[in-house]
Amino acid sequence: MTEQTITGPDALLNAVVDTDVDIVELGHPHTTGMPCSPNDPGFRMTLIRRHGDMVRPDGGSASNEIIVTGGHVGTHVDALLHVSHEGKLHGGIEAQEAQRGGKFSQLGAESIPFMLRRGLLLDVARVRGVDSLDGGQAVTEQDLRDAADAAGVTPRRGDVVLIRTGWARYFDDPQRYLGQQDGVPFADVGAGRWLAASGIAAAGADTTAFEHIPAGKGHSVLPVHRVMLVENGIHIIEHLDLEDASARGPTEFTFVMAPLRITGGTGSPVRPVAVVAS
């Protein structure tokens, strides 16, 4: 009997299933009433058919729900067309032309790639020795460099870089989490440019926006979005929950995320996970 050599996809499958791995959730569950930007319609889910509303002849019954949500509510990824600058989208595309007809004809959420990439956790809060950064506190290029050094990693082309401020711990306190009074900590423009220069594929935030939001100013401007989406074609992931990942300690992992292919949409809900060796 000739021994079969396993190659190609079967070898990859065997390598995965024969390895002890842990799956670390990186996002929040989608829940009615969860916090979201005032610019977006909130997430709502309700049953429109309950068990017993209609009983089939064999005694079976089914239930169904209706979901209403904006594309940037809960853990989600931005399509490159989410932000424009001086009328132009990424690649110099005219925003007015691309959005005719009630949906985008280019760069829509259907074009956001499935991501199976090296993921990095830059734990700024841990490096600063705090549970969470203060509201309105800026994360600078030096903060990211320090977090990368502490993790023993260097962002490189194609990576997904996740930045922890500790702010996800306030997700169940919408007023504080959204920072309408005290602001929200996150990356300033210099930090965004440092990330972009490494050629990463995507970057993620454990806050309501991939922006430093000073106290009392809200989402008045989106300069880091401009750097990432418009100028560099780097997808942004927001409303991450990185507390479990931080507690477990992995700083380098396999990042997996599948966006919904919403044709012409500006973003998509996602369920990102980190795959780490047990």
C-alpha atoms as a PDB file:
ATOM      1  CA  MET A   1       0.000   0.000   0.000  1.00  0.00           C
ATOM      2  CA  THR A   2       1.365   3.391  -1.001  1.00  0.00           C
ATOM      3  CA  GLU A   3       1.399   6.007   1.740  1.00  0.00           C
ATOM      4  CA  GLN A   4      -0.467   9.137   0.675  1.00  0.00           C
ATOM      5  CA  THR A   5       1.282  12.456   1.164  1.00  0.00           C
ATOM      6  CA  ILE A   6      -1.142  15.175   2.225  1.00  0.00           C
ATOM      7  CA  THR A   7      -0.530  18.467   0.490  1.00  0.00           C
ATOM      8  CA  GLY A   8      -2.443  21.608  -0.416  1.00  0.00           C
ATOM      9  CA  PRO A   9      -5.711  22.516   1.345  1.00  0.00           C
ATOM     10  CA  ASP A  10      -5.912  19.166   3.183  1.00  0.00           C
ATOM     11  CA  ALA A  11      -2.527  19.784   4.753  1.00  0.00           C
ATOM     12  CA  LEU A  12      -3.627  23.235   5.855  1.00  0.00           C
ATOM     13  CA  LEU A  13      -6.842  21.823   7.321  1.00  0.00           C
ATOM     14  CA  ASN A  14      -4.961  19.127   9.205  1.00  0.00           C
ATOM     15  CA  ALA A  15      -2.500  21.676  10.543  1.00  0.00           C
ATOM     16  CA  VAL A  16      -5.404  23.690  11.936  1.00  0.00           C
ATOM     17  CA  VAL A  17      -7.500  20.887  13.427  1.00  0.00           C
ATOM     18  CA  ASP A  18      -4.500  19.086  14.914  1.00  0.00           C
ATOM     19  CA  THR A  19      -3.338  22.180  16.792  1.00  0.00           C
ATOM     20  CA  ASP A  20      -4.691  23.211  20.179  1.00  0.00           C
ATOM     21  CA  VAL A  21      -5.879  26.776  19.767  1.00  0.00           C
ATOM     22  CA  ASP A  22      -7.999  29.256  21.685  1.00  0.00           C
ATOM     23  CA  ILE A  23     -10.455  31.633  20.050  1.00  0.00           C
ATOM     24  CA  VAL A  24     -10.477  35.058  21.684  1.00  0.00           C
ATOM     25  CA  GLU A  25     -13.471  37.246  20.931  1.00  0.00           C
ATOM     26  CA  LEU A  26     -12.472  40.790  19.990  1.00  0.00           C
ATOM     27  CA  GLY A  27     -15.904  42.399  19.646  1.00  0.00           C
ATOM     28  CA  HIS A  28     -19.077  43.201  21.559  1.00  0.00           C
ATOM     29  CA  PRO A  29     -22.362  41.302  21.111  1.00  0.00           C
ATOM     30  CA  HIS A  30     -24.958  43.319  19.190  1.00  0.00           C
ATOM     31  CA  THR A  31     -27.613  44.284  21.726  1.00  0.00           C
ATOM     32  CA  THR A  32     -30.652  46.537  21.501  1.00  0.00           C
ATOM     33  CA  GLY A  33     -29.813  49.900  23.047  1.00  0.00           C
ATOM     34  CA  MET A  34     -26.035  49.527  22.935  1.00  0.00           C
ATOM     35  CA  PRO A  35     -24.115  52.813  22.559  1.00  0.00           C
ATOM     36  CA  CYS A  36     -23.525  54.283  19.132  1.00  0.00           C
ATOM     37  CA  SER A  37     -22.521  57.584  17.612  1.00  0.00           C
ATOM     38  CA  PRO A  38     -25.342  60.161  17.448  1.00  0.00           C
ATOM     39  CA  ASN A  39     -24.660  60.206  13.698  1.00  0.00           C
ATOM     40  CA  ASP A  40     -25.979  56.641  13.336  1.00  0.00           C
ATOM     41  CA  PRO A  41     -29.339  54.932  13.849  1.00  0.00           C
ATOM     42  CA  GLY A  42     -29.048  52.572  16.795  1.00  0.00           C
ATOM     43  CA  PHE A  43     -29.272  48.795  16.775  1.00  0.00           C
ATOM     44  CA  ARG A  44     -32.758  47.398  17.346  1.00  0.00           C
ATOM     45  CA  MET A  45     -33.964  43.809  17.232  1.00  0.00           C
ATOM     46  CA  THR A  46     -37.427  42.489  17.993  1.00  0.00           C
ATOM     47  CA  LEU A  47     -39.351  39.318  17.286  1.00  0.00           C
ATOM     48  CA  ILE A  48     -41.974  39.644  14.572  1.00  0.00           C
ATOM     49  CA  ARG A  49     -43.113  36.036  14.864  1.00  0.00           C
ATOM     50  CA  ARG A  50     -43.110  34.023  18.069  1.00  0.00           C
ATOM     51  CA  HIS A  51     -43.422  30.309  18.661  1.00  0.00           C
ATOM     52  CA  GLY A  52     -47.112  29.543  18.769  1.00  0.00           C
ATOM     53  CA  ASP A  53     -48.174  32.433  16.506  1.00  0.00           C
ATOM     54  CA  MET A  54     -48.519  29.854  13.763  1.00  0.00           C
ATOM     55  CA  VAL A  55     -48.456  26.140  14.491  1.00  0.00           C
ATOM     56  CA  ARG A  56     -47.969  23.784  11.567  1.00  0.00           C
ATOM     57  CA  PRO A  57     -50.057  20.624  11.130  1.00  0.00           C
ATOM     58  CA  ASP A  58     -47.209  18.501  12.518  1.00  0.00           C
ATOM     59  CA  GLY A  59     -46.986  20.650  15.667  1.00  0.00           C
ATOM     60  CA  GLY A  60     -43.901  22.575  14.575  1.00  0.00           C
ATOM     61  CA  SER A  61     -43.494  26.314  14.975  1.00  0.00           C
ATOM     62  CA  ALA A  62     -40.864  28.919  14.046  1.00  0.00           C
ATOM     63  CA  SER A  63     -39.842  32.374  15.190  1.00  0.00           C
ATOM     64  CA  ASN A  64     -38.310  35.280  13.267  1.00  0.00           C
ATOM     65  CA  GLU A  65     -36.927  38.715  14.070  1.00  0.00           C
ATOM     66  CA  ILE A  66     -36.457  42.057  12.378  1.00  0.00           C
ATOM     67  CA  ILE A  67     -33.175  43.935  12.775  1.00  0.00           C
ATOM     68  CA  VAL A  68     -32.665  47.646  12.150  1.00  0.00           C
ATOM     69  CA  THR A  69     -29.175  49.081  12.412  1.00  0.00           C
ATOM     70  CA  GLY A  70     -26.717  51.478  10.902  1.00  0.00           C
ATOM     71  CA  GLY A  71     -23.574  50.081   9.344  1.00  0.00           C
ATOM     72  CA  HIS A  72     -21.372  51.714  11.982  1.00  0.00           C
ATOM     73  CA  VAL A  73     -23.126  50.476  15.121  1.00  0.00           C
ATOM     74  CA  GLY A  74     -21.481  47.972  17.427  1.00  0.00           C
ATOM     75  CA  THR A  75     -18.296  46.203  16.380  1.00  0.00           C
ATOM     76  CA  HIS A  76     -17.907  47.046  12.691  1.00  0.00           C
ATOM     77  CA  VAL A  77     -15.466  47.783   9.894  1.00  0.00           C
ATOM     78  CA  ASP A  78     -15.445  50.908   7.730  1.00  0.00           C
ATOM     79  CA  ALA A  79     -15.520  50.645   3.957  1.00  0.00           C
ATOM     80  CA  LEU A  80     -12.975  52.931   2.311  1.00  0.00           C
ATOM     81  CA  LEU A  81     -15.761  55.247   1.112  1.00  0.00           C
ATOM     82  CA  HIS A  82     -16.965  56.009   4.641  1.00  0.00           C
ATOM     83  CA  VAL A  83     -15.073  59.318   4.686  1.00  0.00           C
ATOM     84  CA  SER A  84     -14.236  61.772   1.905  1.00  0.00           C
ATOM     85  CA  HIS A  85     -11.956  64.789   1.846  1.00  0.00           C
ATOM     86  CA  GLU A  86     -12.667  67.815  -0.314  1.00  0.00           C
ATOM     87  CA  GLY A  87     -15.165  65.755  -2.282  1.00  0.00           C
ATOM     88  CA  LYS A  88     -12.810  62.868  -3.023  1.00  0.00           C
ATOM     89  CA  LEU A  89     -12.787  59.276  -1.815  1.00  0.00           C
ATOM     90  CA  HIS A  90      -9.782  56.977  -1.683  1.00  0.00           C
ATOM     91  CA  GLY A  91      -8.033  56.836  -5.022  1.00  0.00           C
ATOM     92  CA  GLY A  92      -9.340  60.246  -6.091  1.00  0.00           C
ATOM     93  CA  ILE A  93     -12.864  58.968  -6.788  1.00  0.00           C
ATOM     94  CA  GLU A  94     -15.515  61.710  -6.901  1.00  0.00           C
ATOM     95  CA  ALA A  95     -17.795  61.121  -3.913  1.00  0.00           C
ATOM     96  CA  GLN A  96     -20.849  62.794  -5.460  1.00  0.00           C
ATOM     97  CA  GLU A  97     -20.661  60.613  -8.543  1.00  0.00           C
ATOM     98  CA  ALA A  98     -19.998  57.402  -6.626  1.00  0.00           C
ATOM     99  CA  GLN A  99     -23.029  57.829  -4.326  1.00  0.00           C
ATOM    100  CA  ARG A 100     -25.694  58.410  -6.972  1.00  0.00           C
ATOM    101  CA  GLY A 101     -28.775  56.208  -6.697  1.00  0.00           C
ATOM    102  CA  GLY A 102     -28.838  55.692  -2.936  1.00  0.00           C
ATOM    103  CA  LYS A 103     -25.807  53.426  -2.703  1.00  0.00           C
ATOM    104  CA  PHE A 104     -22.156  53.592  -3.637  1.00  0.00           C
ATOM    105  CA  SER A 105     -21.057  52.235  -6.988  1.00  0.00           C
ATOM    106  CA  GLN A 106     -17.415  51.950  -5.923  1.00  0.00           C
ATOM    107  CA  LEU A 107     -15.534  50.953  -2.756  1.00  0.00           C
ATOM    108  CA  GLY A 108     -18.696  49.644  -1.050  1.00  0.00           C
ATOM    109  CA  ALA A 109     -18.756  47.249   1.886  1.00  0.00           C
ATOM    110  CA  GLU A 110     -18.918  44.330  -0.529  1.00  0.00           C
ATOM    111  CA  SER A 111     -15.312  45.120  -1.446  1.00  0.00           C
ATOM    112  CA  ILE A 112     -13.987  44.895   2.139  1.00  0.00           C
ATOM    113  CA  PRO A 113     -11.828  41.760   2.107  1.00  0.00           C
ATOM    114  CA  PHE A 114     -12.132  38.757   4.346  1.00  0.00           C
ATOM    115  CA  MET A 115      -9.198  39.070   6.709  1.00  0.00           C
ATOM    116  CA  LEU A 116      -6.948  36.193   7.745  1.00  0.00           C
ATOM    117  CA  ARG A 117      -3.807  38.034   8.745  1.00  0.00           C
ATOM    118  CA  ARG A 118      -1.193  38.532  11.401  1.00  0.00           C
ATOM    119  CA  GLY A 119      -2.762  40.528  14.208  1.00  0.00           C
ATOM    120  CA  LEU A 120      -0.942  42.683  16.738  1.00  0.00           C
ATOM    121  CA  LEU A 121      -2.216  44.056  20.048  1.00  0.00           C
ATOM    122  CA  LEU A 122      -0.665  47.359  21.080  1.00  0.00           C
ATOM    123  CA  ASP A 123      -1.771  47.664  24.703  1.00  0.00           C
ATOM    124  CA  VAL A 124      -1.254  51.346  25.430  1.00  0.00           C
ATOM    125  CA  ALA A 125      -3.179  51.215  28.717  1.00  0.00           C
ATOM    126  CA  ARG A 126      -1.003  48.392  30.035  1.00  0.00           C
ATOM    127  CA  VAL A 127       2.199  50.172  29.057  1.00  0.00           C
ATOM    128  CA  ARG A 128       0.995  53.277  30.900  1.00  0.00           C
ATOM    129  CA  GLY A 129       0.149  51.158  33.932  1.00  0.00           C
ATOM    130  CA  VAL A 130      -3.579  51.981  34.019  1.00  0.00           C
ATOM    131  CA  ASP A 131      -6.822  50.059  33.535  1.00  0.00           C
ATOM    132  CA  SER A 132      -8.013  52.682  31.070  1.00  0.00           C
ATOM    133  CA  LEU A 133      -6.760  55.927  29.622  1.00  0.00           C
ATOM    134  CA  ASP A 134      -8.617  59.071  30.671  1.00  0.00           C
ATOM    135  CA  GLY A 135     -11.384  60.548  28.563  1.00  0.00           C
ATOM    136  CA  GLY A 136     -10.055  62.930  25.921  1.00  0.00           C
ATOM    137  CA  GLN A 137      -6.474  61.682  26.291  1.00  0.00           C
ATOM    138  CA  ALA A 138      -4.474  61.495  23.053  1.00  0.00           C
ATOM    139  CA  VAL A 139      -2.566  58.372  22.016  1.00  0.00           C
ATOM    140  CA  THR A 140       0.593  59.541  20.290  1.00  0.00           C
ATOM    141  CA  GLU A 141       3.094  57.974  17.916  1.00  0.00           C
ATOM    142  CA  GLN A 142       5.441  57.504  20.864  1.00  0.00           C
ATOM    143  CA  ASP A 143       2.714  55.673  22.793  1.00  0.00           C
ATOM    144  CA  LEU A 144       2.337  53.224  19.906  1.00  0.00           C
ATOM    145  CA  ARG A 145       6.088  52.783  19.582  1.00  0.00           C
ATOM    146  CA  ASP A 146       6.341  52.096  23.322  1.00  0.00           C
ATOM    147  CA  ALA A 147       3.479  49.575  23.166  1.00  0.00           C
ATOM    148  CA  ALA A 148       5.062  47.829  20.180  1.00  0.00           C
ATOM    149  CA  ASP A 149       8.416  47.660  21.967  1.00  0.00           C
ATOM    150  CA  ALA A 150       6.774  46.254  25.099  1.00  0.00           C
ATOM    151  CA  ALA A 151       5.015  43.613  22.990  1.00  0.00           C
ATOM    152  CA  GLY A 152       8.173  42.769  21.073  1.00  0.00           C
ATOM    153  CA  VAL A 153       6.495  43.373  17.707  1.00  0.00           C
ATOM    154  CA  THR A 154       6.857  45.709  14.752  1.00  0.00           C
ATOM    155  CA  PRO A 155       3.869  46.512  12.502  1.00  0.00           C
ATOM    156  CA  ARG A 156       4.541  45.482   8.917  1.00  0.00           C
ATOM    157  CA  ARG A 157       2.773  45.378   5.563  1.00  0.00           C
ATOM    158  CA  GLY A 158      -0.507  43.473   5.656  1.00  0.00           C
ATOM    159  CA  ASP A 159      -0.886  43.366   9.448  1.00  0.00           C
ATOM    160  CA  VAL A 160      -4.009  44.194  11.437  1.00  0.00           C
ATOM    161  CA  VAL A 161      -3.064  46.387  14.408  1.00  0.00           C
ATOM    162  CA  LEU A 162      -5.454  46.643  17.365  1.00  0.00           C
ATOM    163  CA  ILE A 163      -4.970  49.438  19.889  1.00  0.00           C
ATOM    164  CA  ARG A 164      -6.180  49.030  23.459  1.00  0.00           C
ATOM    165  CA  THR A 165      -6.982  52.055  25.596  1.00  0.00           C
ATOM    166  CA  GLY A 166      -9.130  50.129  28.100  1.00  0.00           C
ATOM    167  CA  TRP A 167     -12.158  52.211  27.101  1.00  0.00           C
ATOM    168  CA  ALA A 168     -14.248  49.117  26.250  1.00  0.00           C
ATOM    169  CA  ARG A 169     -14.838  48.598  29.973  1.00  0.00           C
ATOM    170  CA  TYR A 170     -17.302  51.530  29.769  1.00  0.00           C
ATOM    171  CA  PHE A 171     -19.360  50.084  26.901  1.00  0.00           C
ATOM    172  CA  ASP A 172     -22.315  49.486  29.241  1.00  0.00           C
ATOM    173  CA  ASP A 173     -22.220  53.144  30.339  1.00  0.00           C
ATOM    174  CA  PRO A 174     -23.236  54.852  27.066  1.00  0.00           C
ATOM    175  CA  GLN A 175     -22.856  58.442  28.249  1.00  0.00           C
ATOM    176  CA  ARG A 176     -19.308  57.875  29.446  1.00  0.00           C
ATOM    177  CA  TYR A 177     -18.360  55.567  26.573  1.00  0.00           C
ATOM    178  CA  LEU A 178     -19.440  58.059  23.901  1.00  0.00           C
ATOM    179  CA  GLY A 179     -17.541  60.815  25.691  1.00  0.00           C
ATOM    180  CA  GLN A 180     -20.095  63.541  25.104  1.00  0.00           C
ATOM    181  CA  GLN A 181     -18.842  65.431  28.152  1.00  0.00           C
ATOM    182  CA  ASP A 182     -15.331  64.177  28.953  1.00  0.00           C
ATOM    183  CA  GLY A 183     -14.171  63.027  25.516  1.00  0.00           C
ATOM    184  CA  VAL A 184     -12.711  59.710  24.370  1.00  0.00           C
ATOM    185  CA  PRO A 185      -9.058  58.640  24.354  1.00  0.00           C
ATOM    186  CA  PHE A 186      -7.478  57.500  21.126  1.00  0.00           C
ATOM    187  CA  ALA A 187      -4.910  58.044  18.406  1.00  0.00           C
ATOM    188  CA  ASP A 188      -4.004  61.495  17.169  1.00  0.00           C
ATOM    189  CA  VAL A 189      -2.992  62.243  13.587  1.00  0.00           C
ATOM    190  CA  GLY A 190       0.687  61.582  14.231  1.00  0.00           C
ATOM    191  CA  ALA A 191      -0.109  58.110  15.544  1.00  0.00           C
ATOM    192  CA  GLY A 192      -2.314  57.465  12.523  1.00  0.00           C
ATOM    193  CA  ARG A 193       0.436  58.459  10.111  1.00  0.00           C
ATOM    194  CA  TRP A 194       2.928  56.202  11.902  1.00  0.00           C
ATOM    195  CA  LEU A 195       0.560  53.245  11.499  1.00  0.00           C
ATOM    196  CA  ALA A 196      -0.132  54.053   7.857  1.00  0.00           C
ATOM    197  CA  ALA A 197       3.571  54.262   7.040  1.00  0.00           C
ATOM    198  CA  SER A 198       3.991  50.585   7.954  1.00  0.00           C
ATOM    199  CA  GLY A 199       1.574  49.485   5.214  1.00  0.00           C
ATOM    200  CA  ILE A 200      -0.891  47.702   7.488  1.00  0.00           C
ATOM    201  CA  ALA A 201      -4.155  46.343   6.059  1.00  0.00           C
ATOM    202  CA  ALA A 202      -6.426  47.453   8.903  1.00  0.00           C
ATOM    203  CA  ALA A 203      -6.361  49.020  12.343  1.00  0.00           C
ATOM    204  CA  GLY A 204      -8.809  48.689  15.201  1.00  0.00           C
ATOM    205  CA  ALA A 205      -9.988  50.722  18.189  1.00  0.00           C
ATOM    206  CA  ASP A 206     -11.668  49.764  21.461  1.00  0.00           C
ATOM    207  CA  THR A 207     -13.515  53.094  21.352  1.00  0.00           C
ATOM    208  CA  THR A 208     -16.468  54.623  19.539  1.00  0.00           C
ATOM    209  CA  ALA A 209     -14.233  56.132  16.851  1.00  0.00           C
ATOM    210  CA  PHE A 210     -10.697  55.733  15.564  1.00  0.00           C
ATOM    211  CA  GLU A 211     -10.099  59.307  16.675  1.00  0.00           C
ATOM    212  CA  HIS A 212      -8.871  61.314  19.629  1.00  0.00           C
ATOM    213  CA  ILE A 213     -12.044  63.069  20.823  1.00  0.00           C
ATOM    214  CA  PRO A 214     -11.283  65.988  23.185  1.00  0.00           C
ATOM    215  CA  ALA A 215     -13.712  66.824  25.976  1.00  0.00           C
ATOM    216  CA  GLY A 216     -16.837  68.609  24.785  1.00  0.00           C
ATOM    217  CA  LYS A 217     -16.072  68.428  21.063  1.00  0.00           C
ATOM    218  CA  GLY A 218     -17.631  65.143  19.923  1.00  0.00           C
ATOM    219  CA  HIS A 219     -17.098  63.926  16.370  1.00  0.00           C
ATOM    220  CA  SER A 220     -16.416  67.424  15.075  1.00  0.00           C
ATOM    221  CA  VAL A 221     -13.639  66.377  12.678  1.00  0.00           C
ATOM    222  CA  LEU A 222     -12.223  63.022  11.511  1.00  0.00           C
ATOM    223  CA  PRO A 223      -8.567  63.631  10.636  1.00  0.00           C
ATOM    224  CA  VAL A 224      -7.344  60.114  11.448  1.00  0.00           C
ATOM    225  CA  HIS A 225     -10.114  58.615   9.304  1.00  0.00           C
ATOM    226  CA  ARG A 226      -8.854  60.799   6.462  1.00  0.00           C
ATOM    227  CA  VAL A 227      -5.302  59.512   6.926  1.00  0.00           C
ATOM    228  CA  MET A 228      -6.343  55.868   7.098  1.00  0.00           C
ATOM    229  CA  LEU A 229      -9.282  55.564   4.699  1.00  0.00           C
ATOM    230  CA  VAL A 230      -8.871  58.339   2.149  1.00  0.00           C
ATOM    231  CA  GLU A 231      -5.117  58.762   1.901  1.00  0.00           C
ATOM    232  CA  ASN A 232      -3.915  55.200   2.503  1.00  0.00           C
ATOM    233  CA  GLY A 233      -6.774  52.758   1.878  1.00  0.00           C
ATOM    234  CA  ILE A 234      -6.503  51.182   5.338  1.00  0.00           C
ATOM    235  CA  HIS A 235      -9.718  49.775   6.804  1.00  0.00           C
ATOM    236  CA  ILE A 236     -10.774  50.873  10.297  1.00  0.00           C
ATOM    237  CA  ILE A 237     -12.445  48.592  12.862  1.00  0.00           C
ATOM    238  CA  GLU A 238     -14.275  50.258  15.763  1.00  0.00           C
ATOM    239  CA  HIS A 239     -16.070  49.302  18.992  1.00  0.00           C
ATOM    240  CA  LEU A 240     -13.666  46.443  19.690  1.00  0.00           C
ATOM    241  CA  ASP A 241     -13.531  44.752  23.085  1.00  0.00           C
ATOM    242  CA  LEU A 242      -9.871  44.007  23.781  1.00  0.00           C
ATOM    243  CA  GLU A 243     -10.172  43.364  27.527  1.00  0.00           C
ATOM    244  CA  ASP A 244     -10.084  39.567  27.261  1.00  0.00           C
ATOM    245  CA  ALA A 245      -7.207  39.674  24.798  1.00  0.00           C
ATOM    246  CA  SER A 246      -5.273  41.952  27.139  1.00  0.00           C
ATOM    247  CA  ALA A 247      -5.930  39.682  30.125  1.00  0.00           C
ATOM    248  CA  ARG A 248      -4.805  36.578  28.245  1.00  0.00           C
ATOM    249  CA  GLY A 249      -1.661  38.307  27.093  1.00  0.00           C
ATOM    250  CA  PRO A 250      -1.154  37.465  23.386  1.00  0.00           C
ATOM    251  CA  THR A 251       0.393  40.352  21.481  1.00  0.00           C
ATOM    252  CA  GLU A 252       0.755  38.509  18.161  1.00  0.00           C
ATOM    253  CA  PHE A 253      -1.920  36.184  16.785  1.00  0.00           C
ATOM    254  CA  THR A 254      -3.907  35.105  13.746  1.00  0.00           C
ATOM    255  CA  PHE A 255      -6.623  37.687  13.141  1.00  0.00           C
ATOM    256  CA  VAL A 256      -9.841  36.509  11.475  1.00  0.00           C
ATOM    257  CA  MET A 257     -12.741  38.730  10.382  1.00  0.00           C
ATOM    258  CA  ALA A 258     -15.514  38.325   7.809  1.00  0.00           C
ATOM    259  CA  PRO A 259     -17.484  41.461   6.839  1.00  0.00           C
ATOM    260  CA  LEU A 260     -20.982  41.189   5.402  1.00  0.00           C
ATOM    261  CA  ARG A 261     -20.976  41.862   1.651  1.00  0.00           C
ATOM    262  CA  ILE A 262     -23.417  44.788   1.753  1.00  0.00           C
ATOM    263  CA  THR A 263     -23.474  46.149  -1.779  1.00  0.00           C
ATOM    264  CA  GLY A 264     -22.825  49.882  -1.799  1.00  0.00           C
ATOM    265  CA  GLY A 265     -22.711  50.084   1.991  1.00  0.00           C
ATOM    266  CA  THR A 266     -20.371  52.306   3.988  1.00  0.00           C
ATOM    267  CA  GLY A 267     -19.554  49.714   6.637  1.00  0.00           C
ATOM    268  CA  SER A 268     -20.429  46.282   7.984  1.00  0.00           C
ATOM    269  CA  PRO A 269     -21.014  44.605  11.337  1.00  0.00           C
ATOM    270  CA  VAL A 270     -18.272  42.063  12.050  1.00  0.00           C
ATOM    271  CA  ARG A 271     -17.265  39.375  14.531  1.00  0.00           C
ATOM    272  CA  PRO A 272     -13.463  39.548  14.733  1.00  0.00           C
ATOM    273  CA  VAL A 273     -11.503  36.905  16.621  1.00  0.00           C
ATOM    274  CA  ALA A 274      -7.901  36.181  17.527  1.00  0.00           C
ATOM    275  CA  VAL A 275      -6.674  32.614  17.087  1.00  0.00           C
ATOM    276  CA  VAL A 276      -3.883  31.831  19.540  1.00  0.00           C
ATOM    277  CA  ALA A 277      -2.051  28.678  20.552  1.00  0.00           C
ATOM    278  CA  SER A 278      -3.401  27.115  23.750  1.00  0.00           C
END
